[in-house]
């Protein structure tokens, strides 16, 4: 039972750290003087860190965090990603 508690604590620590990375990166995109390319690279860096913390969970990153980053980047730099609803009227 001791091992399970340690595993749970470690998993929770990883989750908190990933949440911190994502939140900090989003704030950086929103507030720092960075170029679009730098923002896109930052997203990829966070993805690599997430995959290092949670191997095999690339699809989870794409489903949960990628849309959040895209929304923030589009708010900052304008529409650069294709709309899922097709072209605007």
Protein backbone atom coordinates (compact mmCIF):
# COMPACT_ATOMS: atom_id res chain seq x y z
CA UNK A 1 0.00 0.00 0.00
CA UNK A 2 2.94 2.32 0.66
CA UNK A 3 4.05 1.99 -2.96
CA UNK A 4 0.62 2.97 -4.23
CA UNK A 5 0.66 6.15 -2.14
CA UNK A 6 4.11 7.05 -3.47
CA UNK A 7 2.95 6.41 -7.03
CA UNK A 8 -0.12 8.57 -6.51
CA UNK A 9 1.96 11.39 -5.03
CA UNK A 10 4.42 11.18 -7.92
CA UNK A 11 1.60 11.22 -10.48
CA UNK A 12 0.03 14.23 -8.77
CA UNK A 13 3.40 16.01 -8.75
CA UNK A 14 3.78 15.43 -12.49
CA UNK A 15 0.26 16.70 -13.14
CA UNK A 16 0.89 19.87 -11.10
CA UNK A 17 4.18 20.47 -12.90
CA UNK A 18 2.57 20.03 -16.33
CA UNK A 19 -0.25 22.37 -15.35
CA UNK A 20 2.35 24.94 -14.25
CA UNK A 21 4.24 24.59 -17.57
CA UNK A 22 1.08 25.00 -19.62
CA UNK A 23 -0.22 27.96 -17.62
CA UNK A 24 3.16 29.70 -17.59
CA UNK A 25 3.59 29.15 -21.34
CA UNK A 26 0.13 30.52 -22.07
CA UNK A 27 0.88 33.62 -20.01
CA UNK A 28 4.14 34.00 -21.86
CA UNK A 29 2.37 33.85 -25.22
CA UNK A 30 -0.23 36.35 -24.04
CA UNK A 31 2.06 38.87 -22.36
CA UNK A 32 5.64 38.57 -23.59
CA UNK A 33 7.03 40.21 -26.68
CA UNK A 34 7.51 37.04 -28.68
CA UNK A 35 7.14 36.26 -32.35
CA UNK A 36 4.63 33.82 -33.75
CA UNK A 37 7.38 31.31 -34.53
CA UNK A 38 8.63 31.52 -30.94
CA UNK A 39 5.12 30.89 -29.63
CA UNK A 40 4.76 27.83 -31.85
CA UNK A 41 8.15 26.54 -30.70
CA UNK A 42 7.12 27.07 -27.09
CA UNK A 43 4.08 24.87 -27.65
CA UNK A 44 6.29 22.13 -29.09
CA UNK A 45 8.67 22.44 -26.14
CA UNK A 46 5.77 22.02 -23.72
CA UNK A 47 4.57 19.00 -25.69
CA UNK A 48 8.02 17.42 -25.44
CA UNK A 49 8.07 18.04 -21.70
CA UNK A 50 4.57 16.57 -21.34
CA UNK A 51 5.57 13.47 -23.30
CA UNK A 52 8.64 13.14 -21.08
CA UNK A 53 6.46 13.24 -17.98
CA UNK A 54 3.76 11.00 -19.46
CA UNK A 55 5.27 8.77 -22.18
CA UNK A 56 2.81 7.55 -24.79
CA UNK A 57 0.30 10.33 -24.10
CA UNK A 58 0.93 12.45 -27.19
CA UNK A 59 -2.69 12.09 -28.28
CA UNK A 60 -3.86 13.31 -24.89
CA UNK A 61 -1.74 16.45 -25.31
CA UNK A 62 -3.23 17.00 -28.76
CA UNK A 63 -6.79 16.63 -27.46
CA UNK A 64 -6.47 18.65 -24.27
CA UNK A 65 -3.69 21.21 -24.58
CA UNK A 66 -3.16 21.86 -28.32
CA UNK A 67 -6.62 23.49 -28.78
CA UNK A 68 -5.99 25.69 -25.75
CA UNK A 69 -2.64 26.83 -27.14
CA UNK A 70 -4.17 27.41 -30.60
CA UNK A 71 -6.89 29.60 -29.11
CA UNK A 72 -4.36 31.72 -27.21
CA UNK A 73 -2.07 32.04 -30.26
CA UNK A 74 -5.00 33.07 -32.46
CA UNK A 75 -6.11 35.65 -29.89
CA UNK A 76 -2.60 37.09 -29.92
CA UNK A 77 -1.58 36.79 -33.57
CA UNK A 78 -4.88 36.48 -35.44
CA UNK A 79 -6.36 33.53 -37.29
CA UNK A 80 -3.44 31.42 -38.47
CA UNK A 81 -4.98 27.96 -38.10
CA UNK A 82 -7.74 26.60 -40.35
CA UNK A 83 -11.17 26.88 -38.81
CA UNK A 84 -12.81 23.51 -38.04
CA UNK A 85 -16.07 24.95 -39.40
CA UNK A 86 -14.60 25.85 -42.76
CA UNK A 87 -13.82 29.26 -44.23
CA UNK A 88 -15.59 32.33 -42.85
CA UNK A 89 -18.54 33.63 -44.88
